Amino acid sequence: MNALWQRLYPWLRRTPVQTFILCPLAVLIFELIWHGAALADRIVLWGIALMIWGYAQYHFVGGYRHPRAGGSPGMDVPPERIIEDGPYRFTRNPMYLGHLIFLLGVAITLWSWFGLVVLALRAVWFHRRVLRDEERLERLFGPDYVAYKSSVKRWIPGIM
């Protein structure tokens, strides 16, 4: 059992696993316990569109970023260059934003206040992660990253 846990734990710690598997499972289990069979009557189908959008944004932006910026898919190995085009001309964190859009879709699809709590907690977690990432990128790229930060919003294009 210990060997299994040693292999499973690093996988469970991965951000995409948490967002796209563990969080939706937690919300679904909570809602099944809270509402039981009545959960089927609470499903809001258009929330699924947000889930698809969020996951697709995460997936396709990751495929766009990695070959252009270098580094690792996450931030374990920092990027070798700043990307200022494609989705990165609108927001500095389009992949993380995809995670949050997906979780909003989960909360709406299951019409779940618990899903909104999970979304809020993950939003705080992602924001703190972004602040750490930005410090690292500013140290790595200096004035070029500062200029990029001043011209592109952190989260929502044109707003914040």
N, C-alpha and C. Protein backbone atom coordinates (compact mmCIF):
# COMPACT_ATOMS: atom_id res chain seq x y z
N MET A 1 0.83 -1.20 0.00
CA MET A 1 0.00 0.00 0.00
C MET A 1 0.87 1.26 0.00
N ASN A 2 1.97 1.24 0.75
CA ASN A 2 2.85 2.40 0.81
C ASN A 2 3.45 2.70 -0.55
N ALA A 3 3.84 1.67 -1.32
CA ALA A 3 4.41 1.88 -2.65
C ALA A 3 3.37 2.48 -3.59
N LEU A 4 2.13 2.02 -3.48
CA LEU A 4 1.05 2.58 -4.29
C LEU A 4 0.85 4.06 -3.96
N TRP A 5 0.82 4.39 -2.68
CA TRP A 5 0.63 5.78 -2.27
C TRP A 5 1.79 6.65 -2.77
N GLN A 6 3.00 6.13 -2.73
CA GLN A 6 4.15 6.90 -3.20
C GLN A 6 4.05 7.20 -4.69
N ARG A 7 3.43 6.33 -5.44
CA ARG A 7 3.22 6.57 -6.87
C ARG A 7 2.00 7.44 -7.12
N LEU A 8 0.97 7.27 -6.31
CA LEU A 8 -0.29 7.98 -6.50
C LEU A 8 -0.22 9.43 -6.02
N TYR A 9 0.47 9.67 -4.93
CA TYR A 9 0.49 11.01 -4.31
C TYR A 9 1.00 12.10 -5.26
N PRO A 10 2.12 11.91 -5.97
CA PRO A 10 2.55 12.98 -6.89
C PRO A 10 1.52 13.26 -8.00
N TRP A 11 0.84 12.23 -8.45
CA TRP A 11 -0.19 12.41 -9.47
C TRP A 11 -1.35 13.21 -8.90
N LEU A 12 -1.78 12.89 -7.69
CA LEU A 12 -2.89 13.60 -7.06
C LEU A 12 -2.57 15.06 -6.78
N ARG A 13 -1.30 15.39 -6.61
CA ARG A 13 -0.90 16.77 -6.34
C ARG A 13 -0.88 17.64 -7.59
N ARG A 14 -0.94 17.02 -8.76
CA ARG A 14 -0.90 17.79 -10.00
C ARG A 14 -2.15 18.67 -10.10
N THR A 15 -1.94 19.92 -10.46
CA THR A 15 -3.04 20.88 -10.54
C THR A 15 -4.16 20.42 -11.48
N PRO A 16 -3.86 19.93 -12.69
CA PRO A 16 -4.96 19.49 -13.55
C PRO A 16 -5.76 18.33 -12.96
N VAL A 17 -5.11 17.43 -12.28
CA VAL A 17 -5.82 16.31 -11.64
C VAL A 17 -6.77 16.85 -10.58
N GLN A 18 -6.30 17.80 -9.80
CA GLN A 18 -7.15 18.38 -8.76
C GLN A 18 -8.35 19.10 -9.36
N THR A 19 -8.09 19.93 -10.39
CA THR A 19 -9.18 20.73 -10.96
C THR A 19 -10.16 19.89 -11.77
N PHE A 20 -9.66 19.04 -12.64
CA PHE A 20 -10.53 18.39 -13.61
C PHE A 20 -11.03 17.02 -13.17
N ILE A 21 -10.49 16.49 -12.07
CA ILE A 21 -10.96 15.19 -11.58
C ILE A 21 -11.43 15.28 -10.13
N LEU A 22 -10.53 15.68 -9.23
CA LEU A 22 -10.85 15.62 -7.80
C LEU A 22 -11.91 16.63 -7.37
N CYS A 23 -11.80 17.86 -7.81
CA CYS A 23 -12.81 18.87 -7.42
C CYS A 23 -14.21 18.52 -7.94
N PRO A 24 -14.35 18.15 -9.23
CA PRO A 24 -15.70 17.76 -9.67
C PRO A 24 -16.24 16.54 -8.94
N LEU A 25 -15.36 15.58 -8.65
CA LEU A 25 -15.81 14.42 -7.88
C LEU A 25 -16.28 14.81 -6.49
N ALA A 26 -15.54 15.71 -5.83
CA ALA A 26 -15.93 16.16 -4.49
C ALA A 26 -17.28 16.86 -4.53
N VAL A 27 -17.48 17.72 -5.52
CA VAL A 27 -18.77 18.43 -5.64
C VAL A 27 -19.89 17.44 -5.94
N LEU A 28 -19.65 16.51 -6.86
CA LEU A 28 -20.67 15.52 -7.21
C LEU A 28 -21.05 14.67 -6.01
N ILE A 29 -20.05 14.19 -5.28
CA ILE A 29 -20.33 13.36 -4.10
C ILE A 29 -21.10 14.16 -3.06
N PHE A 30 -20.67 15.41 -2.82
CA PHE A 30 -21.39 16.26 -1.86
C PHE A 30 -22.85 16.41 -2.28
N GLU A 31 -23.07 16.72 -3.55
CA GLU A 31 -24.44 16.94 -4.03
C GLU A 31 -25.27 15.67 -4.00
N LEU A 32 -24.66 14.52 -4.29
CA LEU A 32 -25.40 13.26 -4.19
C LEU A 32 -25.81 12.97 -2.75
N ILE A 33 -24.92 13.27 -1.82
CA ILE A 33 -25.26 13.08 -0.40
C ILE A 33 -26.35 14.06 0.01
N TRP A 34 -26.22 15.31 -0.42
CA TRP A 34 -27.14 16.39 -0.01
C TRP A 34 -28.52 16.23 -0.66
N HIS A 35 -28.55 15.89 -1.96
CA HIS A 35 -29.82 15.87 -2.69
C HIS A 35 -30.27 14.48 -3.12
N GLY A 36 -29.38 13.51 -3.07
CA GLY A 36 -29.74 12.15 -3.46
C GLY A 36 -30.22 12.08 -4.90
N ALA A 37 -31.27 11.32 -5.12
CA ALA A 37 -31.80 11.11 -6.47
C ALA A 37 -32.33 12.40 -7.08
N ALA A 38 -32.69 13.37 -6.25
CA ALA A 38 -33.22 14.64 -6.76
C ALA A 38 -32.14 15.44 -7.50
N LEU A 39 -30.89 15.03 -7.38
CA LEU A 39 -29.81 15.75 -8.07
C LEU A 39 -30.05 15.77 -9.58
N ALA A 40 -30.60 14.71 -10.12
CA ALA A 40 -30.84 14.64 -11.57
C ALA A 40 -31.77 15.77 -12.03
N ASP A 41 -32.68 16.19 -11.17
CA ASP A 41 -33.62 17.27 -11.52
C ASP A 41 -32.96 18.64 -11.44
N ARG A 42 -31.79 18.73 -10.83
CA ARG A 42 -31.11 20.01 -10.63
C ARG A 42 -30.05 20.30 -11.69
N ILE A 43 -29.80 19.36 -12.57
CA ILE A 43 -28.73 19.53 -13.56
C ILE A 43 -29.08 20.69 -14.50
N VAL A 44 -28.09 21.57 -14.70
CA VAL A 44 -28.24 22.70 -15.62
C VAL A 44 -27.30 22.42 -16.80
N LEU A 45 -27.88 22.02 -17.91
CA LEU A 45 -27.07 21.52 -19.03
C LEU A 45 -26.12 22.56 -19.63
N TRP A 46 -26.49 23.83 -19.65
CA TRP A 46 -25.59 24.81 -20.27
C TRP A 46 -24.32 24.99 -19.46
N GLY A 47 -24.29 24.56 -18.22
CA GLY A 47 -23.05 24.60 -17.44
C GLY A 47 -21.99 23.69 -18.03
N ILE A 48 -22.43 22.64 -18.72
CA ILE A 48 -21.49 21.72 -19.36
C ILE A 48 -20.67 22.46 -20.43
N ALA A 49 -21.29 23.43 -21.09
CA ALA A 49 -20.56 24.22 -22.09
C ALA A 49 -19.39 24.96 -21.44
N LEU A 50 -19.60 25.47 -20.23
CA LEU A 50 -18.50 26.13 -19.52
C LEU A 50 -17.41 25.14 -19.14
N MET A 51 -17.81 23.93 -18.75
CA MET A 51 -16.82 22.91 -18.43
C MET A 51 -15.98 22.58 -19.66
N ILE A 52 -16.64 22.41 -20.80
CA ILE A 52 -15.92 22.11 -22.04
C ILE A 52 -15.00 23.27 -22.41
N TRP A 53 -15.52 24.50 -22.34
CA TRP A 53 -14.73 25.68 -22.65
C TRP A 53 -13.50 25.76 -21.76
N GLY A 54 -13.70 25.62 -20.44
CA GLY A 54 -12.60 25.73 -19.50
C GLY A 54 -11.52 24.69 -19.74
N TYR A 55 -11.94 23.44 -19.93
CA TYR A 55 -10.95 22.39 -20.16
C TYR A 55 -10.25 22.61 -21.50
N ALA A 56 -11.01 22.95 -22.53
CA ALA A 56 -10.41 23.18 -23.86
C ALA A 56 -9.42 24.35 -23.80
N GLN A 57 -9.78 25.40 -23.08
CA GLN A 57 -8.87 26.54 -22.97
C GLN A 57 -7.58 26.11 -22.29
N TYR A 58 -7.69 25.40 -21.18
CA TYR A 58 -6.50 24.90 -20.49
C TYR A 58 -5.65 24.04 -21.44
N HIS A 59 -6.29 23.09 -22.09
CA HIS A 59 -5.57 22.11 -22.92
C HIS A 59 -4.91 22.77 -24.14
N PHE A 60 -5.67 23.55 -24.88
CA PHE A 60 -5.13 24.12 -26.12
C PHE A 60 -4.13 25.24 -25.86
N VAL A 61 -4.35 26.03 -24.82
CA VAL A 61 -3.36 27.06 -24.50
C VAL A 61 -2.06 26.41 -24.02
N GLY A 62 -2.16 25.31 -23.28
CA GLY A 62 -0.96 24.58 -22.88
C GLY A 62 -0.19 24.09 -24.09
N GLY A 63 -0.91 23.59 -25.08
CA GLY A 63 -0.27 23.15 -26.31
C GLY A 63 0.34 24.30 -27.10
N TYR A 64 -0.22 25.48 -26.94
CA TYR A 64 0.30 26.67 -27.61
C TYR A 64 1.54 27.18 -26.87
N ARG A 65 1.46 27.22 -25.55
CA ARG A 65 2.52 27.82 -24.73
C ARG A 65 3.81 27.01 -24.73
N HIS A 66 3.70 25.74 -24.48
CA HIS A 66 4.88 24.94 -24.20
C HIS A 66 5.92 24.98 -25.33
N PRO A 67 5.56 24.76 -26.59
CA PRO A 67 6.60 24.79 -27.63
C PRO A 67 7.18 26.19 -27.87
N ARG A 68 6.42 27.23 -27.53
CA ARG A 68 6.90 28.59 -27.77
C ARG A 68 7.73 29.14 -26.62
N ALA A 69 7.39 28.76 -25.39
CA ALA A 69 8.06 29.32 -24.22
C ALA A 69 9.15 28.42 -23.67
N GLY A 70 9.06 27.12 -23.95
CA GLY A 70 10.01 26.18 -23.37
C GLY A 70 9.66 25.91 -21.91
N GLY A 71 10.60 25.36 -21.19
CA GLY A 71 10.34 24.99 -19.80
C GLY A 71 9.50 23.73 -19.75
N SER A 72 8.89 23.49 -18.59
CA SER A 72 8.03 22.32 -18.42
C SER A 72 6.57 22.74 -18.58
N PRO A 73 5.66 21.77 -18.76
CA PRO A 73 4.25 22.13 -18.89
C PRO A 73 3.72 22.95 -17.70
N GLY A 74 4.18 22.67 -16.51
CA GLY A 74 3.83 23.49 -15.36
C GLY A 74 4.90 24.55 -15.15
N MET A 75 5.13 24.93 -13.92
CA MET A 75 6.17 25.92 -13.63
C MET A 75 7.37 25.28 -12.93
N ASP A 76 7.45 23.94 -12.94
CA ASP A 76 8.59 23.27 -12.33
C ASP A 76 9.89 23.73 -12.97
N VAL A 77 9.91 23.75 -14.29
CA VAL A 77 11.04 24.31 -15.04
C VAL A 77 10.50 25.58 -15.69
N PRO A 78 11.04 26.74 -15.33
CA PRO A 78 10.48 28.00 -15.84
C PRO A 78 10.62 28.13 -17.35
N PRO A 79 9.77 28.95 -17.95
CA PRO A 79 9.86 29.15 -19.40
C PRO A 79 11.16 29.85 -19.78
N GLU A 80 11.53 29.69 -21.02
CA GLU A 80 12.76 30.30 -21.53
C GLU A 80 12.50 31.67 -22.15
N ARG A 81 11.25 31.96 -22.44
CA ARG A 81 10.92 33.25 -23.03
C ARG A 81 9.48 33.64 -22.66
N ILE A 82 9.19 34.91 -22.79
CA ILE A 82 7.84 35.43 -22.54
C ILE A 82 7.04 35.31 -23.83
N ILE A 83 5.82 34.84 -23.72
CA ILE A 83 4.92 34.79 -24.88
C ILE A 83 3.97 35.98 -24.75
N GLU A 84 3.91 36.80 -25.77
CA GLU A 84 3.05 37.98 -25.74
C GLU A 84 1.99 37.95 -26.84
N ASP A 85 1.91 36.84 -27.57
CA ASP A 85 0.93 36.75 -28.64
C ASP A 85 -0.05 35.63 -28.35
N GLY A 86 -0.94 35.36 -29.29
CA GLY A 86 -1.95 34.33 -29.08
C GLY A 86 -2.82 34.70 -27.89
N PRO A 87 -3.23 33.72 -27.10
CA PRO A 87 -4.09 34.03 -25.95
C PRO A 87 -3.39 34.88 -24.90
N TYR A 88 -2.06 34.89 -24.91
CA TYR A 88 -1.31 35.64 -23.91
C TYR A 88 -1.30 37.15 -24.19
N ARG A 89 -1.87 37.58 -25.30
CA ARG A 89 -2.00 39.02 -25.52
C ARG A 89 -3.25 39.56 -24.84
N PHE A 90 -4.14 38.66 -24.38
CA PHE A 90 -5.37 39.08 -23.71
C PHE A 90 -5.29 38.94 -22.19
N THR A 91 -4.65 37.89 -21.72
CA THR A 91 -4.54 37.63 -20.29
C THR A 91 -3.22 36.91 -20.02
N ARG A 92 -2.61 37.21 -18.88
CA ARG A 92 -1.32 36.59 -18.57
C ARG A 92 -1.47 35.15 -18.11
N ASN A 93 -2.67 34.73 -17.77
CA ASN A 93 -2.88 33.40 -17.19
C ASN A 93 -4.05 32.66 -17.85
N PRO A 94 -4.02 32.49 -19.16
CA PRO A 94 -5.18 31.85 -19.80
C PRO A 94 -5.37 30.39 -19.40
N MET A 95 -4.29 29.68 -19.05
CA MET A 95 -4.45 28.29 -18.64
C MET A 95 -5.13 28.21 -17.27
N TYR A 96 -4.67 29.02 -16.33
CA TYR A 96 -5.29 29.02 -15.00
C TYR A 96 -6.74 29.49 -15.10
N LEU A 97 -6.99 30.47 -15.97
CA LEU A 97 -8.35 30.95 -16.17
C LEU A 97 -9.24 29.81 -16.68
N GLY A 98 -8.68 28.95 -17.54
CA GLY A 98 -9.43 27.78 -18.01
C GLY A 98 -9.84 26.87 -16.86
N HIS A 99 -8.96 26.69 -15.89
CA HIS A 99 -9.30 25.90 -14.71
C HIS A 99 -10.53 26.50 -14.00
N LEU A 100 -10.51 27.81 -13.82
CA LEU A 100 -11.60 28.47 -13.08
C LEU A 100 -12.90 28.46 -13.87
N ILE A 101 -12.83 28.63 -15.19
CA ILE A 101 -14.04 28.54 -16.01
C ILE A 101 -14.63 27.14 -15.90
N PHE A 102 -13.78 26.12 -15.93
CA PHE A 102 -14.25 24.74 -15.78
C PHE A 102 -14.98 24.56 -14.45
N LEU A 103 -14.38 25.05 -13.37
CA LEU A 103 -15.01 24.89 -12.05
C LEU A 103 -16.31 25.67 -11.92
N LEU A 104 -16.39 26.83 -12.58
CA LEU A 104 -17.67 27.55 -12.62
C LEU A 104 -18.70 26.68 -13.33
N GLY A 105 -18.29 26.02 -14.40
CA GLY A 105 -19.19 25.11 -15.11
C GLY A 105 -19.67 23.97 -14.23
N VAL A 106 -18.78 23.43 -13.40
CA VAL A 106 -19.18 22.36 -12.48
C VAL A 106 -20.24 22.87 -11.51
N ALA A 107 -19.99 24.05 -10.93
CA ALA A 107 -20.94 24.61 -9.96
C ALA A 107 -22.31 24.86 -10.60
N ILE A 108 -22.30 25.38 -11.83
CA ILE A 108 -23.57 25.66 -12.51
C ILE A 108 -24.25 24.37 -12.95
N THR A 109 -23.50 23.45 -13.52
CA THR A 109 -24.09 22.19 -14.00
C THR A 109 -24.80 21.46 -12.86
N LEU A 110 -24.17 21.41 -11.71
CA LEU A 110 -24.77 20.71 -10.56
C LEU A 110 -25.59 21.65 -9.68
N TRP A 111 -25.71 22.90 -10.10
CA TRP A 111 -26.44 23.94 -9.37
C TRP A 111 -26.09 23.86 -7.87
N SER A 112 -24.78 24.01 -7.62
CA SER A 112 -24.22 23.67 -6.31
C SER A 112 -23.57 24.85 -5.62
N TRP A 113 -24.06 25.17 -4.43
CA TRP A 113 -23.39 26.19 -3.63
C TRP A 113 -22.03 25.66 -3.16
N PHE A 114 -21.94 24.36 -2.92
CA PHE A 114 -20.65 23.78 -2.55
C PHE A 114 -19.65 23.92 -3.70
N GLY A 115 -20.13 23.77 -4.93
CA GLY A 115 -19.28 23.99 -6.09
C GLY A 115 -18.75 25.41 -6.15
N LEU A 116 -19.59 26.38 -5.76
CA LEU A 116 -19.14 27.78 -5.71
C LEU A 116 -18.08 27.98 -4.63
N VAL A 117 -18.23 27.29 -3.52
CA VAL A 117 -17.21 27.36 -2.46
C VAL A 117 -15.89 26.78 -2.97
N VAL A 118 -15.96 25.64 -3.63
CA VAL A 118 -14.76 25.03 -4.21
C VAL A 118 -14.13 25.99 -5.23
N LEU A 119 -14.94 26.60 -6.07
CA LEU A 119 -14.45 27.57 -7.05
C LEU A 119 -13.76 28.74 -6.35
N ALA A 120 -14.37 29.28 -5.32
CA ALA A 120 -13.77 30.41 -4.60
C ALA A 120 -12.44 30.02 -3.96
N LEU A 121 -12.40 28.85 -3.34
CA LEU A 121 -11.15 28.40 -2.71
C LEU A 121 -10.05 28.18 -3.74
N ARG A 122 -10.42 27.57 -4.86
CA ARG A 122 -9.43 27.36 -5.93
C ARG A 122 -9.00 28.69 -6.56
N ALA A 123 -9.92 29.65 -6.67
CA ALA A 123 -9.56 30.96 -7.22
C ALA A 123 -8.53 31.64 -6.32
N VAL A 124 -8.72 31.56 -5.02
CA VAL A 124 -7.73 32.13 -4.08
C VAL A 124 -6.41 31.39 -4.24
N TRP A 125 -6.47 30.07 -4.31
CA TRP A 125 -5.25 29.27 -4.47
C TRP A 125 -4.52 29.64 -5.75
N PHE A 126 -5.26 29.73 -6.86
CA PHE A 126 -4.63 30.10 -8.14
C PHE A 126 -4.06 31.51 -8.09
N HIS A 127 -4.77 32.44 -7.46
CA HIS A 127 -4.27 33.81 -7.38
C HIS A 127 -2.95 33.86 -6.62
N ARG A 128 -2.89 33.15 -5.51
CA ARG A 128 -1.63 33.11 -4.76
C ARG A 128 -0.52 32.47 -5.58
N ARG A 129 -0.85 31.44 -6.33
CA ARG A 129 0.14 30.79 -7.20
C ARG A 129 0.62 31.75 -8.28
N VAL A 130 -0.30 32.51 -8.85
CA VAL A 130 0.07 33.49 -9.87
C VAL A 130 1.02 34.54 -9.30
N LEU A 131 0.75 35.00 -8.09
CA LEU A 131 1.63 35.99 -7.48
C LEU A 131 3.05 35.44 -7.34
N ARG A 132 3.17 34.18 -6.92
CA ARG A 132 4.49 33.54 -6.82
C ARG A 132 5.12 33.38 -8.20
N ASP A 133 4.32 32.94 -9.17
CA ASP A 133 4.83 32.78 -10.54
C ASP A 133 5.33 34.12 -11.08
N GLU A 134 4.59 35.18 -10.83
CA GLU A 134 4.98 36.49 -11.34
C GLU A 134 6.29 36.96 -10.72
N GLU A 135 6.48 36.70 -9.43
CA GLU A 135 7.77 37.05 -8.80
C GLU A 135 8.92 36.32 -9.49
N ARG A 136 8.73 35.03 -9.74
CA ARG A 136 9.78 34.24 -10.40
C ARG A 136 10.04 34.75 -11.81
N LEU A 137 8.99 35.05 -12.55
CA LEU A 137 9.15 35.50 -13.92
C LEU A 137 9.78 36.89 -13.98
N GLU A 138 9.44 37.73 -13.02
CA GLU A 138 10.06 39.06 -12.97
C GLU A 138 11.55 38.96 -12.68
N ARG A 139 11.93 38.05 -11.78
CA ARG A 139 13.35 37.83 -11.51
C ARG A 139 14.06 37.27 -12.75
N LEU A 140 13.38 36.39 -13.46
CA LEU A 140 13.97 35.73 -14.61
C LEU A 140 14.10 36.66 -15.82
N PHE A 141 13.05 37.43 -16.10
CA PHE A 141 13.02 38.23 -17.32
C PHE A 141 13.16 39.74 -17.10
N GLY A 142 13.13 40.19 -15.84
CA GLY A 142 13.36 41.60 -15.52
C GLY A 142 12.40 42.56 -16.19
N PRO A 143 12.95 43.66 -16.78
CA PRO A 143 12.11 44.72 -17.33
C PRO A 143 11.16 44.25 -18.45
N ASP A 144 11.55 43.22 -19.18
CA ASP A 144 10.67 42.72 -20.24
C ASP A 144 9.36 42.17 -19.65
N TYR A 145 9.47 41.46 -18.54
CA TYR A 145 8.26 40.92 -17.92
C TYR A 145 7.46 42.03 -17.26
N VAL A 146 8.12 43.00 -16.66
CA VAL A 146 7.42 44.14 -16.06
C VAL A 146 6.62 44.88 -17.13
N ALA A 147 7.21 45.08 -18.30
CA ALA A 147 6.51 45.74 -19.40
C ALA A 147 5.30 44.90 -19.84
N TYR A 148 5.48 43.59 -19.93
CA TYR A 148 4.37 42.71 -20.30
C TYR A 148 3.25 42.81 -19.25
N LYS A 149 3.62 42.78 -17.98
CA LYS A 149 2.62 42.89 -16.91
C LYS A 149 1.84 44.20 -17.01
N SER A 150 2.49 45.27 -17.40
CA SER A 150 1.81 46.56 -17.45
C SER A 150 0.87 46.66 -18.66
N SER A 151 1.06 45.82 -19.67
CA SER A 151 0.23 45.92 -20.86
C SER A 151 -0.85 44.84 -20.97
N VAL A 152 -0.75 43.77 -20.17
CA VAL A 152 -1.73 42.67 -20.25
C VAL A 152 -2.26 42.37 -18.85
N LYS A 153 -3.58 42.29 -18.73
CA LYS A 153 -4.21 42.03 -17.43
C LYS A 153 -3.90 40.62 -16.94
N ARG A 154 -3.93 40.46 -15.62
CA ARG A 154 -3.59 39.18 -14.98
C ARG A 154 -4.65 38.12 -15.25
N TRP A 155 -5.92 38.46 -15.14
CA TRP A 155 -6.97 37.46 -15.21
C TRP A 155 -7.95 37.66 -16.36
N ILE A 156 -8.71 38.75 -16.30
CA ILE A 156 -9.79 38.95 -17.26
C ILE A 156 -9.40 40.07 -18.21
N PRO A 157 -9.38 39.80 -19.52
CA PRO A 157 -8.94 40.80 -20.47
C PRO A 157 -9.67 42.14 -20.30
N GLY A 158 -8.90 43.20 -20.20
CA GLY A 158 -9.43 44.54 -20.09
C GLY A 158 -10.04 44.91 -18.75
N ILE A 159 -10.08 43.98 -17.81
CA ILE A 159 -10.74 44.26 -16.52
C ILE A 159 -9.77 44.14 -15.35
N MET A 160 -9.19 42.95 -15.18
CA MET A 160 -8.32 42.75 -14.02
C MET A 160 -7.21 41.76 -14.30
